[in-house]
Amino acid sequence: MSLPVIVVTIFFAVVALFGFFIAGRNSKDRGLVQTMWVTTALCLWLFWLCAYLSQINPLVAPSLKAKDVCVNDGADVIC
């Protein structure tokens, strides 16, 4: 695994653990607050991971056709 994946995974794990153990400590809906924090951290991590992995090997690459290339030699443009 690469370093960014490990660092971001640790960050979202800390956010989820914070939400599970600390957030909502004095609330009567503690279970709901814990579920909200953990679910939010998991969804954000999954979204980030999909965005990160889609940039490693893109499915669509730019294609340049010879007829689309123009040459500018200073005096005039040749297409």
PDB file of N, CA and C in Angstrom:
ATOM      1  N   MET A   1       0.839  -1.188   0.000  1.00  0.00           N
ATOM      2  CA  MET A   1       0.000   0.000   0.000  1.00  0.00           C
ATOM      3  C   MET A   1       0.881   1.247   0.000  1.00  0.00           C
ATOM      4  N   SER A   2       0.341   2.295  -0.554  1.00  0.00           N
ATOM      5  CA  SER A   2       1.098   3.534  -0.621  1.00  0.00           C
ATOM      6  C   SER A   2       0.900   4.345   0.664  1.00  0.00           C
ATOM      7  N   LEU A   3       1.789   5.272   0.874  1.00  0.00           N
ATOM      8  CA  LEU A   3       1.765   6.094   2.090  1.00  0.00           C
ATOM      9  C   LEU A   3       0.487   6.917   2.232  1.00  0.00           C
ATOM     10  N   PRO A   4      -0.023   7.570   1.170  1.00  0.00           N
ATOM     11  CA  PRO A   4      -1.263   8.337   1.348  1.00  0.00           C
ATOM     12  C   PRO A   4      -2.451   7.480   1.793  1.00  0.00           C
ATOM     13  N   VAL A   5      -2.544   6.269   1.275  1.00  0.00           N
ATOM     14  CA  VAL A   5      -3.646   5.387   1.670  1.00  0.00           C
ATOM     15  C   VAL A   5      -3.546   5.051   3.151  1.00  0.00           C
ATOM     16  N   ILE A   6      -2.356   4.774   3.624  1.00  0.00           N
ATOM     17  CA  ILE A   6      -2.168   4.438   5.028  1.00  0.00           C
ATOM     18  C   ILE A   6      -2.466   5.632   5.920  1.00  0.00           C
ATOM     19  N   VAL A   7      -1.973   6.806   5.559  1.00  0.00           N
ATOM     20  CA  VAL A   7      -2.172   8.008   6.382  1.00  0.00           C
ATOM     21  C   VAL A   7      -3.647   8.384   6.454  1.00  0.00           C
ATOM     22  N   VAL A   8      -4.325   8.383   5.323  1.00  0.00           N
ATOM     23  CA  VAL A   8      -5.735   8.769   5.306  1.00  0.00           C
ATOM     24  C   VAL A   8      -6.588   7.710   6.014  1.00  0.00           C
ATOM     25  N   THR A   9      -6.241   6.449   5.881  1.00  0.00           N
ATOM     26  CA  THR A   9      -6.958   5.393   6.592  1.00  0.00           C
ATOM     27  C   THR A   9      -6.813   5.556   8.099  1.00  0.00           C
ATOM     28  N   ILE A  10      -5.622   5.868   8.552  1.00  0.00           N
ATOM     29  CA  ILE A  10      -5.407   6.095   9.982  1.00  0.00           C
ATOM     30  C   ILE A  10      -6.198   7.318  10.451  1.00  0.00           C
ATOM     31  N   PHE A  11      -6.208   8.381   9.642  1.00  0.00           N
ATOM     32  CA  PHE A  11      -6.957   9.584  10.007  1.00  0.00           C
ATOM     33  C   PHE A  11      -8.441   9.282  10.176  1.00  0.00           C
ATOM     34  N   PHE A  12      -9.042   8.580   9.218  1.00  0.00           N
ATOM     35  CA  PHE A  12     -10.470   8.288   9.320  1.00  0.00           C
ATOM     36  C   PHE A  12     -10.756   7.260  10.411  1.00  0.00           C
ATOM     37  N   ALA A  13      -9.810   6.385  10.701  1.00  0.00           N
ATOM     38  CA  ALA A  13      -9.985   5.465  11.828  1.00  0.00           C
ATOM     39  C   ALA A  13      -9.999   6.240  13.150  1.00  0.00           C
ATOM     40  N   VAL A  14      -9.149   7.248  13.264  1.00  0.00           N
ATOM     41  CA  VAL A  14      -9.132   8.089  14.465  1.00  0.00           C
ATOM     42  C   VAL A  14     -10.448   8.853  14.587  1.00  0.00           C
ATOM     43  N   VAL A  15     -10.962   9.372  13.482  1.00  0.00           N
ATOM     44  CA  VAL A  15     -12.252  10.079  13.506  1.00  0.00           C
ATOM     45  C   VAL A  15     -13.362   9.130  13.938  1.00  0.00           C
ATOM     46  N   ALA A  16     -13.380   7.924  13.413  1.00  0.00           N
ATOM     47  CA  ALA A  16     -14.404   6.949  13.787  1.00  0.00           C
ATOM     48  C   ALA A  16     -14.283   6.558  15.256  1.00  0.00           C
ATOM     49  N   LEU A  17     -13.058   6.360  15.738  1.00  0.00           N
ATOM     50  CA  LEU A  17     -12.875   6.010  17.149  1.00  0.00           C
ATOM     51  C   LEU A  17     -13.254   7.160  18.065  1.00  0.00           C
ATOM     52  N   PHE A  18     -12.947   8.388  17.644  1.00  0.00           N
ATOM     53  CA  PHE A  18     -13.368   9.558  18.412  1.00  0.00           C
ATOM     54  C   PHE A  18     -14.888   9.580  18.532  1.00  0.00           C
ATOM     55  N   GLY A  19     -15.554   9.373  17.417  1.00  0.00           N
ATOM     56  CA  GLY A  19     -17.007   9.374  17.434  1.00  0.00           C
ATOM     57  C   GLY A  19     -17.588   8.248  18.248  1.00  0.00           C
ATOM     58  N   PHE A  20     -16.938   7.123  18.247  1.00  0.00           N
ATOM     59  CA  PHE A  20     -17.464   5.973  18.982  1.00  0.00           C
ATOM     60  C   PHE A  20     -17.271   6.117  20.486  1.00  0.00           C
ATOM     61  N   PHE A  21     -16.110   6.623  20.908  1.00  0.00           N
ATOM     62  CA  PHE A  21     -15.818   6.646  22.337  1.00  0.00           C
ATOM     63  C   PHE A  21     -16.087   7.985  23.018  1.00  0.00           C
ATOM     64  N   ILE A  22     -15.972   9.090  22.310  1.00  0.00           N
ATOM     65  CA  ILE A  22     -16.028  10.397  22.972  1.00  0.00           C
ATOM     66  C   ILE A  22     -17.292  11.179  22.633  1.00  0.00           C
ATOM     67  N   ALA A  23     -17.669  11.219  21.370  1.00  0.00           N
ATOM     68  CA  ALA A  23     -18.808  12.044  20.963  1.00  0.00           C
ATOM     69  C   ALA A  23     -20.107  11.496  21.538  1.00  0.00           C
ATOM     70  N   GLY A  24     -20.982  12.388  21.947  1.00  0.00           N
ATOM     71  CA  GLY A  24     -22.276  11.992  22.481  1.00  0.00           C
ATOM     72  C   GLY A  24     -22.219  11.396  23.863  1.00  0.00           C
ATOM     73  N   ARG A  25     -21.185  11.704  24.592  1.00  0.00           N
ATOM     74  CA  ARG A  25     -20.990  11.105  25.914  1.00  0.00           C
ATOM     75  C   ARG A  25     -22.122  11.484  26.871  1.00  0.00           C
ATOM     76  N   ASN A  26     -22.599  12.723  26.794  1.00  0.00           N
ATOM     77  CA  ASN A  26     -23.629  13.188  27.717  1.00  0.00           C
ATOM     78  C   ASN A  26     -25.005  13.243  27.068  1.00  0.00           C
ATOM     79  N   SER A  27     -25.180  12.635  25.936  1.00  0.00           N
ATOM     80  CA  SER A  27     -26.445  12.693  25.214  1.00  0.00           C
ATOM     81  C   SER A  27     -27.273  11.449  25.507  1.00  0.00           C
ATOM     82  N   LYS A  28     -28.593  11.636  25.471  1.00  0.00           N
ATOM     83  CA  LYS A  28     -29.449  10.459  25.676  1.00  0.00           C
ATOM     84  C   LYS A  28     -29.503   9.594  24.417  1.00  0.00           C
ATOM     85  N   ASP A  29     -29.127  10.168  23.270  1.00  0.00           N
ATOM     86  CA  ASP A  29     -29.074   9.428  22.010  1.00  0.00           C
ATOM     87  C   ASP A  29     -27.645   9.044  21.671  1.00  0.00           C
ATOM     88  N   ARG A  30     -26.929   8.516  22.607  1.00  0.00           N
ATOM     89  CA  ARG A  30     -25.511   8.207  22.407  1.00  0.00           C
ATOM     90  C   ARG A  30     -25.306   7.199  21.274  1.00  0.00           C
ATOM     91  N   GLY A  31     -26.136   6.190  21.207  1.00  0.00           N
ATOM     92  CA  GLY A  31     -26.008   5.182  20.150  1.00  0.00           C
ATOM     93  C   GLY A  31     -26.177   5.778  18.768  1.00  0.00           C
ATOM     94  N   LEU A  32     -27.120   6.718  18.642  1.00  0.00           N
ATOM     95  CA  LEU A  32     -27.337   7.378  17.361  1.00  0.00           C
ATOM     96  C   LEU A  32     -26.141   8.241  16.976  1.00  0.00           C
ATOM     97  N   VAL A  33     -25.576   8.959  17.942  1.00  0.00           N
ATOM     98  CA  VAL A  33     -24.418   9.814  17.676  1.00  0.00           C
ATOM     99  C   VAL A  33     -23.208   8.962  17.295  1.00  0.00           C
ATOM    100  N   GLN A  34     -23.016   7.856  17.981  1.00  0.00           N
ATOM    101  CA  GLN A  34     -21.907   6.958  17.643  1.00  0.00           C
ATOM    102  C   GLN A  34     -22.063   6.400  16.238  1.00  0.00           C
ATOM    103  N   THR A  35     -23.264   5.965  15.914  1.00  0.00           N
ATOM    104  CA  THR A  35     -23.519   5.425  14.574  1.00  0.00           C
ATOM    105  C   THR A  35     -23.292   6.488  13.507  1.00  0.00           C
ATOM    106  N   MET A  36     -23.726   7.710  13.796  1.00  0.00           N
ATOM    107  CA  MET A  36     -23.551   8.809  12.835  1.00  0.00           C
ATOM    108  C   MET A  36     -22.067   9.073  12.578  1.00  0.00           C
ATOM    109  N   TRP A  37     -21.249   9.154  13.624  1.00  0.00           N
ATOM    110  CA  TRP A  37     -19.820   9.430  13.466  1.00  0.00           C
ATOM    111  C   TRP A  37     -19.108   8.309  12.704  1.00  0.00           C
ATOM    112  N   VAL A  38     -19.386   7.088  13.081  1.00  0.00           N
ATOM    113  CA  VAL A  38     -18.700   5.956  12.434  1.00  0.00           C
ATOM    114  C   VAL A  38     -19.142   5.828  10.979  1.00  0.00           C
ATOM    115  N   THR A  39     -20.423   5.984  10.709  1.00  0.00           N
ATOM    116  CA  THR A  39     -20.917   5.892   9.332  1.00  0.00           C
ATOM    117  C   THR A  39     -20.369   7.029   8.477  1.00  0.00           C
ATOM    118  N   THR A  40     -20.310   8.223   9.041  1.00  0.00           N
ATOM    119  CA  THR A  40     -19.755   9.363   8.305  1.00  0.00           C
ATOM    120  C   THR A  40     -18.289   9.144   7.972  1.00  0.00           C
ATOM    121  N   ALA A  41     -17.510   8.693   8.947  1.00  0.00           N
ATOM    122  CA  ALA A  41     -16.086   8.436   8.705  1.00  0.00           C
ATOM    123  C   ALA A  41     -15.902   7.350   7.648  1.00  0.00           C
ATOM    124  N   LEU A  42     -16.705   6.299   7.711  1.00  0.00           N
ATOM    125  CA  LEU A  42     -16.590   5.217   6.739  1.00  0.00           C
ATOM    126  C   LEU A  42     -16.957   5.686   5.327  1.00  0.00           C
ATOM    127  N   CYS A  43     -18.033   6.456   5.203  1.00  0.00           N
ATOM    128  CA  CYS A  43     -18.452   6.939   3.878  1.00  0.00           C
ATOM    129  C   CYS A  43     -17.438   7.919   3.288  1.00  0.00           C
ATOM    130  N   LEU A  44     -16.901   8.817   4.122  1.00  0.00           N
ATOM    131  CA  LEU A  44     -15.902   9.766   3.632  1.00  0.00           C
ATOM    132  C   LEU A  44     -14.628   9.042   3.204  1.00  0.00           C
ATOM    133  N   TRP A  45     -14.216   8.051   3.985  1.00  0.00           N
ATOM    134  CA  TRP A  45     -13.017   7.278   3.624  1.00  0.00           C
ATOM    135  C   TRP A  45     -13.238   6.520   2.315  1.00  0.00           C
ATOM    136  N   LEU A  46     -14.411   5.917   2.168  1.00  0.00           N
ATOM    137  CA  LEU A  46     -14.695   5.170   0.949  1.00  0.00           C
ATOM    138  C   LEU A  46     -14.747   6.085  -0.271  1.00  0.00           C
ATOM    139  N   PHE A  47     -15.337   7.275  -0.107  1.00  0.00           N
ATOM    140  CA  PHE A  47     -15.367   8.242  -1.203  1.00  0.00           C
ATOM    141  C   PHE A  47     -13.958   8.676  -1.572  1.00  0.00           C
ATOM    142  N   TRP A  48     -13.135   8.983  -0.566  1.00  0.00           N
ATOM    143  CA  TRP A  48     -11.761   9.389  -0.837  1.00  0.00           C
ATOM    144  C   TRP A  48     -10.996   8.256  -1.528  1.00  0.00           C
ATOM    145  N   LEU A  49     -11.155   7.032  -1.066  1.00  0.00           N
ATOM    146  CA  LEU A  49     -10.439   5.899  -1.656  1.00  0.00           C
ATOM    147  C   LEU A  49     -10.837   5.694  -3.114  1.00  0.00           C
ATOM    148  N   CYS A  50     -12.119   5.807  -3.422  1.00  0.00           N
ATOM    149  CA  CYS A  50     -12.560   5.669  -4.824  1.00  0.00           C
ATOM    150  C   CYS A  50     -11.972   6.779  -5.696  1.00  0.00           C
ATOM    151  N   ALA A  51     -11.978   8.006  -5.186  1.00  0.00           N
ATOM    152  CA  ALA A  51     -11.410   9.117  -5.955  1.00  0.00           C
ATOM    153  C   ALA A  51      -9.911   8.940  -6.151  1.00  0.00           C
ATOM    154  N   TYR A  52      -9.218   8.489  -5.116  1.00  0.00           N
ATOM    155  CA  TYR A  52      -7.763   8.288  -5.195  1.00  0.00           C
ATOM    156  C   TYR A  52      -7.424   7.151  -6.161  1.00  0.00           C
ATOM    157  N   LEU A  53      -8.113   6.045  -6.053  1.00  0.00           N
ATOM    158  CA  LEU A  53      -7.812   4.895  -6.909  1.00  0.00           C
ATOM    159  C   LEU A  53      -8.188   5.144  -8.359  1.00  0.00           C
ATOM    160  N   SER A  54      -9.201   5.969  -8.598  1.00  0.00           N
ATOM    161  CA  SER A  54      -9.579   6.234  -9.993  1.00  0.00           C
ATOM    162  C   SER A  54      -8.537   7.088 -10.708  1.00  0.00           C
ATOM    163  N   GLN A  55      -7.688   7.769  -9.963  1.00  0.00           N
ATOM    164  CA  GLN A  55      -6.651   8.590 -10.580  1.00  0.00           C
ATOM    165  C   GLN A  55      -5.365   7.807 -10.852  1.00  0.00           C
ATOM    166  N   ILE A  56      -5.234   6.642 -10.287  1.00  0.00           N
ATOM    167  CA  ILE A  56      -4.011   5.851 -10.483  1.00  0.00           C
ATOM    168  C   ILE A  56      -3.943   5.306 -11.908  1.00  0.00           C
ATOM    169  N   ASN A  57      -5.051   4.726 -12.368  1.00  0.00           N
ATOM    170  CA  ASN A  57      -5.091   4.158 -13.707  1.00  0.00           C
ATOM    171  C   ASN A  57      -6.400   4.582 -14.362  1.00  0.00           C
ATOM    172  N   PRO A  58      -6.439   5.754 -14.977  1.00  0.00           N
ATOM    173  CA  PRO A  58      -7.708   6.236 -15.540  1.00  0.00           C
ATOM    174  C   PRO A  58      -8.172   5.376 -16.700  1.00  0.00           C
ATOM    175  N   LEU A  59      -9.484   5.206 -16.791  1.00  0.00           N
ATOM    176  CA  LEU A  59     -10.056   4.401 -17.871  1.00  0.00           C
ATOM    177  C   LEU A  59     -10.103   5.167 -19.180  1.00  0.00           C
ATOM    178  N   VAL A  60     -10.257   6.479 -19.101  1.00  0.00           N
ATOM    179  CA  VAL A  60     -10.349   7.315 -20.287  1.00  0.00           C
ATOM    180  C   VAL A  60      -9.085   8.152 -20.377  1.00  0.00           C
ATOM    181  N   ALA A  61      -8.394   8.017 -21.479  1.00  0.00           N
ATOM    182  CA  ALA A  61      -7.173   8.789 -21.690  1.00  0.00           C
ATOM    183  C   ALA A  61      -7.396   9.746 -22.860  1.00  0.00           C
ATOM    184  N   PRO A  62      -6.767  10.892 -22.840  1.00  0.00           N
ATOM    185  CA  PRO A  62      -6.933  11.816 -23.959  1.00  0.00           C
ATOM    186  C   PRO A  62      -6.304  11.245 -25.234  1.00  0.00           C
ATOM    187  N   SER A  63      -6.977  11.461 -26.335  1.00  0.00           N
ATOM    188  CA  SER A  63      -6.441  10.996 -27.614  1.00  0.00           C
ATOM    189  C   SER A  63      -6.254  12.207 -28.523  1.00  0.00           C
ATOM    190  N   LEU A  64      -5.137  12.249 -29.181  1.00  0.00           N
ATOM    191  CA  LEU A  64      -4.798  13.356 -30.056  1.00  0.00           C
ATOM    192  C   LEU A  64      -4.699  12.834 -31.483  1.00  0.00           C
ATOM    193  N   LYS A  65      -5.544  13.372 -32.334  1.00  0.00           N
ATOM    194  CA  LYS A  65      -5.535  12.967 -33.735  1.00  0.00           C
ATOM    195  C   LYS A  65      -4.644  13.919 -34.538  1.00  0.00           C
ATOM    196  N   ALA A  66      -4.065  13.416 -35.615  1.00  0.00           N
ATOM    197  CA  ALA A  66      -3.149  14.213 -36.429  1.00  0.00           C
ATOM    198  C   ALA A  66      -3.852  15.412 -37.063  1.00  0.00           C
ATOM    199  N   LYS A  67      -5.119  15.289 -37.394  1.00  0.00           N
ATOM    200  CA  LYS A  67      -5.828  16.400 -38.029  1.00  0.00           C
ATOM    201  C   LYS A  67      -6.130  17.530 -37.046  1.00  0.00           C
ATOM    202  N   ASP A  68      -6.052  17.276 -35.728  1.00  0.00           N
ATOM    203  CA  ASP A  68      -6.321  18.292 -34.720  1.00  0.00           C
ATOM    204  C   ASP A  68      -5.084  19.092 -34.322  1.00  0.00           C
ATOM    205  N   VAL A  69      -3.922  18.702 -34.848  1.00  0.00           N
ATOM    206  CA  VAL A  69      -2.673  19.350 -34.463  1.00  0.00           C
ATOM    207  C   VAL A  69      -2.389  20.515 -35.397  1.00  0.00           C
ATOM    208  N   CYS A  70      -2.104  21.669 -34.805  1.00  0.00           N
ATOM    209  CA  CYS A  70      -1.711  22.848 -35.586  1.00  0.00           C
ATOM    210  C   CYS A  70      -0.304  23.237 -35.180  1.00  0.00           C
ATOM    211  N   VAL A  71       0.485  23.672 -36.147  1.00  0.00           N
ATOM    212  CA  VAL A  71       1.856  24.075 -35.895  1.00  0.00           C
ATOM    213  C   VAL A  71       1.962  25.584 -36.066  1.00  0.00           C
ATOM    214  N   ASN A  72       2.520  26.228 -35.077  1.00  0.00           N
ATOM    215  CA  ASN A  72       2.722  27.670 -35.134  1.00  0.00           C
ATOM    216  C   ASN A  72       4.218  27.908 -35.243  1.00  0.00           C
ATOM    217  N   ASP A  73       4.682  28.317 -36.418  1.00  0.00           N
ATOM    218  CA  ASP A  73       6.112  28.523 -36.613  1.00  0.00           C
ATOM    219  C   ASP A  73       6.498  29.994 -36.467  1.00  0.00           C
ATOM    220  N   GLY A  74       5.638  30.804 -35.911  1.00  0.00           N
ATOM    221  CA  GLY A  74       5.935  32.208 -35.679  1.00  0.00           C
ATOM    222  C   GLY A  74       5.294  33.128 -36.695  1.00  0.00           C
ATOM    223  N   ALA A  75       5.416  32.785 -37.963  1.00  0.00           N
ATOM    224  CA  ALA A  75       4.877  33.636 -39.010  1.00  0.00           C
ATOM    225  C   ALA A  75       3.410  33.302 -39.314  1.00  0.00           C
ATOM    226  N   ASP A  76       3.134  32.021 -39.435  1.00  0.00           N
ATOM    227  CA  ASP A  76       1.760  31.618 -39.707  1.00  0.00           C
ATOM    228  C   ASP A  76       1.456  30.288 -39.019  1.00  0.00           C
ATOM    229  N   VAL A  77       0.200  29.948 -38.990  1.00  0.00           N
ATOM    230  CA  VAL A  77      -0.253  28.714 -38.356  1.00  0.00           C
ATOM    231  C   VAL A  77      -0.590  27.711 -39.446  1.00  0.00           C
ATOM    232  N   ILE A  78      -0.003  26.512 -39.367  1.00  0.00           N
ATOM    233  CA  ILE A  78      -0.238  25.462 -40.355  1.00  0.00           C
ATOM    234  C   ILE A  78      -1.063  24.372 -39.688  1.00  0.00           C
ATOM    235  N   CYS A  79      -2.228  24.085 -40.263  1.00  0.00           N
ATOM    236  CA  CYS A  79      -3.088  23.031 -39.712  1.00  0.00           C
ATOM    237  C   CYS A  79      -3.214  21.887 -40.693  1.00  0.00           C
TER     238      CYS A  79
END
